[in-house]
N, C-alpha and C. Protein backbone atom coordinates (compact mmCIF):
# COMPACT_ATOMS: atom_id res chain seq x y z
N MET A 1 26.86 25.88 -33.03
CA MET A 1 26.56 24.47 -33.22
C MET A 1 26.25 23.79 -31.89
N LEU A 2 27.03 24.13 -30.87
CA LEU A 2 26.83 23.52 -29.56
C LEU A 2 25.49 23.94 -28.97
N ALA A 3 25.11 25.20 -29.14
CA ALA A 3 23.84 25.69 -28.59
C ALA A 3 22.66 25.00 -29.25
N ALA A 4 22.76 24.75 -30.55
CA ALA A 4 21.65 24.10 -31.25
C ALA A 4 21.47 22.68 -30.75
N SER A 5 22.54 21.95 -30.56
CA SER A 5 22.39 20.58 -30.08
C SER A 5 21.93 20.55 -28.63
N PHE A 6 22.32 21.55 -27.84
CA PHE A 6 21.85 21.62 -26.45
C PHE A 6 20.35 21.80 -26.41
N TRP A 7 19.84 22.77 -27.20
CA TRP A 7 18.40 23.02 -27.19
C TRP A 7 17.62 21.89 -27.83
N GLN A 8 18.20 21.21 -28.81
CA GLN A 8 17.55 20.03 -29.36
C GLN A 8 17.42 18.95 -28.28
N THR A 9 18.46 18.78 -27.51
CA THR A 9 18.43 17.80 -26.44
C THR A 9 17.38 18.17 -25.40
N VAL A 10 17.29 19.44 -25.05
CA VAL A 10 16.28 19.89 -24.09
C VAL A 10 14.88 19.60 -24.62
N TRP A 11 14.66 19.90 -25.91
CA TRP A 11 13.34 19.64 -26.48
C TRP A 11 13.05 18.14 -26.53
N TYR A 12 14.03 17.33 -26.85
CA TYR A 12 13.83 15.88 -26.85
C TYR A 12 13.44 15.38 -25.46
N ILE A 13 14.08 15.93 -24.45
CA ILE A 13 13.75 15.53 -23.07
C ILE A 13 12.33 15.95 -22.72
N ILE A 14 11.95 17.17 -23.09
CA ILE A 14 10.59 17.64 -22.81
C ILE A 14 9.56 16.80 -23.54
N ILE A 15 9.81 16.51 -24.81
CA ILE A 15 8.87 15.70 -25.59
C ILE A 15 8.78 14.29 -25.02
N ALA A 16 9.90 13.71 -24.66
CA ALA A 16 9.89 12.37 -24.06
C ALA A 16 9.11 12.37 -22.75
N PHE A 17 9.29 13.40 -21.93
CA PHE A 17 8.56 13.52 -20.67
C PHE A 17 7.06 13.58 -20.93
N LEU A 18 6.65 14.40 -21.89
CA LEU A 18 5.23 14.53 -22.20
C LEU A 18 4.66 13.23 -22.76
N LEU A 19 5.41 12.54 -23.59
CA LEU A 19 4.92 11.27 -24.13
C LEU A 19 4.79 10.20 -23.05
N VAL A 20 5.73 10.15 -22.14
CA VAL A 20 5.63 9.18 -21.03
C VAL A 20 4.41 9.50 -20.18
N ASN A 21 4.18 10.78 -19.90
CA ASN A 21 2.99 11.15 -19.12
C ASN A 21 1.71 10.83 -19.87
N LEU A 22 1.71 11.02 -21.19
CA LEU A 22 0.53 10.68 -21.99
C LEU A 22 0.25 9.19 -21.91
N VAL A 23 1.26 8.38 -21.99
CA VAL A 23 1.08 6.92 -21.90
C VAL A 23 0.56 6.53 -20.51
N ILE A 24 1.09 7.15 -19.47
CA ILE A 24 0.64 6.85 -18.11
C ILE A 24 -0.83 7.21 -17.94
N VAL A 25 -1.21 8.39 -18.40
CA VAL A 25 -2.61 8.81 -18.29
C VAL A 25 -3.50 7.92 -19.15
N PHE A 26 -3.03 7.54 -20.33
CA PHE A 26 -3.79 6.65 -21.21
C PHE A 26 -4.11 5.34 -20.49
N PHE A 27 -3.10 4.71 -19.91
CA PHE A 27 -3.35 3.43 -19.24
C PHE A 27 -4.16 3.60 -17.96
N ALA A 28 -4.00 4.72 -17.27
CA ALA A 28 -4.81 4.97 -16.08
C ALA A 28 -6.29 5.06 -16.46
N ILE A 29 -6.57 5.71 -17.58
CA ILE A 29 -7.96 5.82 -18.04
C ILE A 29 -8.48 4.47 -18.52
N VAL A 30 -7.66 3.71 -19.23
CA VAL A 30 -8.09 2.38 -19.68
C VAL A 30 -8.44 1.52 -18.47
N PHE A 31 -7.59 1.51 -17.44
CA PHE A 31 -7.88 0.71 -16.25
C PHE A 31 -9.11 1.23 -15.53
N ASP A 32 -9.30 2.54 -15.51
CA ASP A 32 -10.48 3.10 -14.87
C ASP A 32 -11.75 2.70 -15.61
N VAL A 33 -11.70 2.73 -16.94
CA VAL A 33 -12.86 2.33 -17.73
C VAL A 33 -13.19 0.86 -17.46
N LEU A 34 -12.17 0.02 -17.43
CA LEU A 34 -12.41 -1.41 -17.26
C LEU A 34 -12.87 -1.77 -15.85
N ARG A 35 -12.48 -1.00 -14.85
CA ARG A 35 -12.86 -1.33 -13.47
C ARG A 35 -14.19 -0.71 -13.06
N ASP A 36 -14.73 0.23 -13.87
CA ASP A 36 -15.97 0.92 -13.52
C ASP A 36 -17.17 -0.01 -13.71
N HIS A 37 -17.88 -0.28 -12.62
CA HIS A 37 -19.04 -1.18 -12.69
C HIS A 37 -20.30 -0.46 -13.14
N GLU A 38 -20.29 0.87 -13.15
CA GLU A 38 -21.46 1.62 -13.58
C GLU A 38 -21.56 1.69 -15.10
N LEU A 39 -20.45 1.58 -15.80
CA LEU A 39 -20.46 1.59 -17.27
C LEU A 39 -20.85 0.23 -17.80
N GLY A 40 -21.69 0.23 -18.81
CA GLY A 40 -22.03 -1.02 -19.47
C GLY A 40 -20.92 -1.44 -20.43
N GLY A 41 -21.03 -2.64 -20.94
CA GLY A 41 -20.02 -3.15 -21.86
C GLY A 41 -19.89 -2.34 -23.13
N GLY A 42 -21.02 -1.84 -23.64
CA GLY A 42 -21.01 -1.04 -24.86
C GLY A 42 -20.27 0.27 -24.67
N MET A 43 -20.52 0.94 -23.55
CA MET A 43 -19.85 2.21 -23.30
C MET A 43 -18.36 2.00 -23.03
N LYS A 44 -18.02 0.88 -22.42
CA LYS A 44 -16.60 0.58 -22.21
C LYS A 44 -15.91 0.41 -23.56
N ALA A 45 -16.59 -0.29 -24.47
CA ALA A 45 -16.01 -0.50 -25.80
C ALA A 45 -15.87 0.82 -26.54
N VAL A 46 -16.86 1.71 -26.41
CA VAL A 46 -16.80 3.01 -27.08
C VAL A 46 -15.61 3.81 -26.55
N TRP A 47 -15.44 3.85 -25.22
CA TRP A 47 -14.31 4.60 -24.65
C TRP A 47 -12.97 4.03 -25.11
N ILE A 48 -12.86 2.70 -25.12
CA ILE A 48 -11.59 2.09 -25.53
C ILE A 48 -11.29 2.40 -26.99
N VAL A 49 -12.29 2.30 -27.85
CA VAL A 49 -12.09 2.59 -29.27
C VAL A 49 -11.72 4.06 -29.46
N LEU A 50 -12.41 4.95 -28.76
CA LEU A 50 -12.06 6.38 -28.85
C LEU A 50 -10.64 6.64 -28.37
N LEU A 51 -10.25 5.96 -27.28
CA LEU A 51 -8.89 6.14 -26.78
C LEU A 51 -7.85 5.66 -27.79
N LEU A 52 -8.18 4.63 -28.54
CA LEU A 52 -7.23 4.11 -29.54
C LEU A 52 -7.20 4.96 -30.80
N ILE A 53 -8.35 5.52 -31.20
CA ILE A 53 -8.41 6.28 -32.45
C ILE A 53 -7.92 7.72 -32.27
N VAL A 54 -8.47 8.41 -31.30
CA VAL A 54 -8.07 9.81 -31.04
C VAL A 54 -7.69 9.94 -29.56
N PRO A 55 -6.50 9.52 -29.20
CA PRO A 55 -6.15 9.42 -27.79
C PRO A 55 -6.16 10.75 -27.03
N ILE A 56 -5.57 11.79 -27.58
CA ILE A 56 -5.45 13.04 -26.82
C ILE A 56 -6.83 13.67 -26.61
N VAL A 57 -7.64 13.70 -27.65
CA VAL A 57 -8.98 14.28 -27.53
C VAL A 57 -9.83 13.46 -26.55
N SER A 58 -9.80 12.15 -26.67
CA SER A 58 -10.63 11.33 -25.80
C SER A 58 -10.13 11.35 -24.35
N ILE A 59 -8.83 11.51 -24.15
CA ILE A 59 -8.31 11.64 -22.78
C ILE A 59 -8.85 12.93 -22.15
N VAL A 60 -8.81 14.01 -22.89
CA VAL A 60 -9.31 15.29 -22.37
C VAL A 60 -10.81 15.20 -22.09
N VAL A 61 -11.57 14.62 -23.03
CA VAL A 61 -13.02 14.49 -22.85
C VAL A 61 -13.32 13.60 -21.65
N TYR A 62 -12.60 12.49 -21.52
CA TYR A 62 -12.84 11.58 -20.39
C TYR A 62 -12.55 12.27 -19.07
N LEU A 63 -11.44 13.00 -19.00
CA LEU A 63 -11.10 13.68 -17.76
C LEU A 63 -12.12 14.76 -17.41
N ILE A 64 -12.69 15.42 -18.41
CA ILE A 64 -13.71 16.43 -18.15
C ILE A 64 -15.01 15.77 -17.70
N MET A 65 -15.41 14.70 -18.39
CA MET A 65 -16.70 14.07 -18.10
C MET A 65 -16.67 13.18 -16.86
N ARG A 66 -15.62 12.41 -16.68
CA ARG A 66 -15.62 11.40 -15.63
C ARG A 66 -14.40 11.49 -14.71
N GLY A 67 -13.65 12.55 -14.81
CA GLY A 67 -12.41 12.67 -14.05
C GLY A 67 -12.58 12.71 -12.55
N ASP A 68 -13.71 13.25 -12.08
CA ASP A 68 -13.89 13.36 -10.64
C ASP A 68 -14.08 12.01 -9.96
N GLY A 69 -14.48 10.99 -10.69
CA GLY A 69 -14.72 9.68 -10.08
C GLY A 69 -13.53 8.73 -10.15
N ILE A 70 -12.47 9.11 -10.84
CA ILE A 70 -11.32 8.22 -10.99
C ILE A 70 -10.73 7.87 -9.63
N GLY A 71 -10.54 8.86 -8.79
CA GLY A 71 -9.98 8.61 -7.46
C GLY A 71 -10.89 7.75 -6.60
N HIS A 72 -12.21 7.99 -6.70
CA HIS A 72 -13.15 7.20 -5.90
C HIS A 72 -13.16 5.74 -6.34
N ARG A 73 -13.14 5.52 -7.65
CA ARG A 73 -13.13 4.14 -8.14
C ARG A 73 -11.82 3.44 -7.80
N SER A 74 -10.72 4.16 -7.86
CA SER A 74 -9.43 3.57 -7.50
C SER A 74 -9.39 3.23 -6.01
N LEU A 75 -9.90 4.13 -5.17
CA LEU A 75 -9.95 3.87 -3.73
C LEU A 75 -10.84 2.68 -3.42
N ALA A 76 -12.00 2.59 -4.08
CA ALA A 76 -12.91 1.47 -3.85
C ALA A 76 -12.26 0.14 -4.27
N ALA A 77 -11.53 0.15 -5.37
CA ALA A 77 -10.85 -1.07 -5.82
C ALA A 77 -9.75 -1.47 -4.83
N ASP A 78 -9.01 -0.49 -4.32
CA ASP A 78 -7.96 -0.77 -3.34
C ASP A 78 -8.55 -1.31 -2.04
N GLN A 79 -9.67 -0.74 -1.62
CA GLN A 79 -10.33 -1.22 -0.39
C GLN A 79 -10.87 -2.63 -0.58
N ALA A 80 -11.39 -2.93 -1.77
CA ALA A 80 -11.90 -4.28 -2.03
C ALA A 80 -10.76 -5.29 -2.01
N LYS A 81 -9.60 -4.90 -2.57
CA LYS A 81 -8.44 -5.79 -2.53
C LYS A 81 -7.97 -6.01 -1.10
N ALA A 82 -7.96 -4.94 -0.31
CA ALA A 82 -7.51 -5.05 1.09
C ALA A 82 -8.47 -5.90 1.90
N ALA A 83 -9.78 -5.81 1.60
CA ALA A 83 -10.75 -6.61 2.34
C ALA A 83 -10.65 -8.09 1.97
N ALA A 84 -10.16 -8.38 0.78
CA ALA A 84 -10.05 -9.77 0.34
C ALA A 84 -8.86 -10.49 0.97
N ILE A 85 -7.91 -9.73 1.49
CA ILE A 85 -6.74 -10.34 2.12
C ILE A 85 -7.11 -10.78 3.53
N PRO A 86 -6.90 -12.04 3.86
CA PRO A 86 -7.28 -12.49 5.20
C PRO A 86 -6.38 -11.84 6.26
N PRO A 87 -6.95 -11.59 7.43
CA PRO A 87 -6.13 -10.98 8.47
C PRO A 87 -5.06 -11.96 8.95
N PRO A 88 -3.96 -11.45 9.45
CA PRO A 88 -2.91 -12.35 9.93
C PRO A 88 -3.40 -13.13 11.14
N PRO A 89 -2.89 -14.33 11.33
CA PRO A 89 -3.34 -15.10 12.48
C PRO A 89 -2.93 -14.41 13.77
N GLN A 90 -3.85 -14.47 14.72
CA GLN A 90 -3.56 -13.82 15.99
C GLN A 90 -2.60 -14.69 16.79
N THR A 91 -1.61 -14.05 17.30
CA THR A 91 -0.64 -14.78 18.11
C THR A 91 -1.04 -14.67 19.57
N LEU A 92 -1.00 -15.80 20.22
CA LEU A 92 -1.32 -15.83 21.63
C LEU A 92 -0.02 -15.80 22.41
N ASN A 93 -0.14 -15.40 23.65
CA ASN A 93 1.06 -15.43 24.46
C ASN A 93 1.36 -16.89 24.83
N PRO A 94 2.59 -17.21 25.15
CA PRO A 94 2.96 -18.60 25.41
C PRO A 94 2.16 -19.25 26.54
N ALA A 95 1.83 -18.49 27.56
CA ALA A 95 1.08 -19.08 28.68
C ALA A 95 -0.30 -19.54 28.23
N THR A 96 -0.96 -18.76 27.39
CA THR A 96 -2.28 -19.14 26.89
C THR A 96 -2.18 -20.36 26.00
N GLU A 97 -1.17 -20.40 25.15
CA GLU A 97 -1.00 -21.56 24.26
C GLU A 97 -0.72 -22.83 25.05
N ILE A 98 0.11 -22.72 26.09
CA ILE A 98 0.40 -23.90 26.91
C ILE A 98 -0.86 -24.34 27.65
N ALA A 99 -1.66 -23.38 28.11
CA ALA A 99 -2.91 -23.73 28.80
C ALA A 99 -3.86 -24.44 27.85
N GLN A 100 -3.93 -23.99 26.59
CA GLN A 100 -4.77 -24.67 25.60
C GLN A 100 -4.26 -26.08 25.32
N ALA A 101 -2.95 -26.22 25.22
CA ALA A 101 -2.37 -27.54 24.99
C ALA A 101 -2.65 -28.45 26.19
N LYS A 102 -2.59 -27.90 27.40
CA LYS A 102 -2.87 -28.67 28.62
C LYS A 102 -4.33 -29.14 28.61
N GLN A 103 -5.25 -28.28 28.15
CA GLN A 103 -6.66 -28.67 28.07
C GLN A 103 -6.84 -29.79 27.06
N LEU A 104 -6.11 -29.71 25.94
CA LEU A 104 -6.19 -30.79 24.95
C LEU A 104 -5.67 -32.10 25.53
N LEU A 105 -4.61 -32.02 26.32
CA LEU A 105 -4.05 -33.21 26.97
C LEU A 105 -5.04 -33.80 27.95
N GLU A 106 -5.66 -32.93 28.75
CA GLU A 106 -6.61 -33.40 29.75
C GLU A 106 -7.87 -33.97 29.12
N SER A 107 -8.27 -33.44 27.96
CA SER A 107 -9.47 -33.97 27.30
C SER A 107 -9.18 -35.25 26.54
N GLY A 108 -7.91 -35.58 26.37
CA GLY A 108 -7.55 -36.80 25.67
C GLY A 108 -7.38 -36.62 24.17
N ALA A 109 -7.42 -35.39 23.70
CA ALA A 109 -7.29 -35.13 22.27
C ALA A 109 -5.85 -35.35 21.79
N ILE A 110 -4.88 -35.16 22.70
CA ILE A 110 -3.48 -35.38 22.35
C ILE A 110 -2.83 -36.23 23.44
N THR A 111 -1.72 -36.83 23.07
CA THR A 111 -0.99 -37.66 24.04
C THR A 111 0.00 -36.79 24.81
N ALA A 112 0.60 -37.39 25.83
CA ALA A 112 1.58 -36.66 26.64
C ALA A 112 2.79 -36.29 25.80
N ASP A 113 3.20 -37.18 24.89
CA ASP A 113 4.33 -36.86 24.02
C ASP A 113 4.02 -35.67 23.11
N GLU A 114 2.80 -35.64 22.54
CA GLU A 114 2.41 -34.52 21.68
C GLU A 114 2.35 -33.22 22.48
N TYR A 115 1.89 -33.33 23.74
CA TYR A 115 1.86 -32.15 24.61
C TYR A 115 3.26 -31.60 24.84
N GLU A 116 4.22 -32.49 25.09
CA GLU A 116 5.60 -32.05 25.32
C GLU A 116 6.19 -31.40 24.07
N VAL A 117 5.87 -31.98 22.89
CA VAL A 117 6.36 -31.39 21.64
C VAL A 117 5.77 -30.00 21.45
N MET A 118 4.48 -29.87 21.71
CA MET A 118 3.81 -28.56 21.57
C MET A 118 4.41 -27.56 22.55
N LYS A 119 4.66 -28.00 23.78
CA LYS A 119 5.20 -27.12 24.80
C LYS A 119 6.60 -26.64 24.41
N ARG A 120 7.42 -27.55 23.87
CA ARG A 120 8.77 -27.15 23.43
C ARG A 120 8.70 -26.18 22.27
N ARG A 121 7.78 -26.42 21.35
CA ARG A 121 7.62 -25.52 20.19
C ARG A 121 7.16 -24.13 20.64
N ILE A 122 6.24 -24.09 21.60
CA ILE A 122 5.74 -22.81 22.09
C ILE A 122 6.84 -22.03 22.80
N LEU A 123 7.63 -22.73 23.59
CA LEU A 123 8.65 -22.05 24.38
C LEU A 123 9.91 -21.71 23.59
N SER A 124 10.03 -22.29 22.41
CA SER A 124 11.26 -22.00 21.64
C SER A 124 11.15 -20.72 20.85
């Protein structure tokens, strides 16, 4: 009795593992289909419908037909996201910032009080 329940548990774990992997691959393919700019809207709809109707067969067919480009499309999407993020502001050393503040003071753009506030902020 104990052996049967042990092996049932092992099979349940294996089946659960396979189902989780199937779901992960399913969503990876759905996201790949939706992010692919080379596919037209009609072909995207066909792939999505096939994935919903016969998921295992369409996953295998998709991986055979278009599997080599999944990594390239994912990398291109990641690079596009990274390019959209603005670079961090460049930090200047305190001496340069104080020199810029001094130039602003000399040009009349800021008052002496504003210069002192800027200088304290830079040095703190």
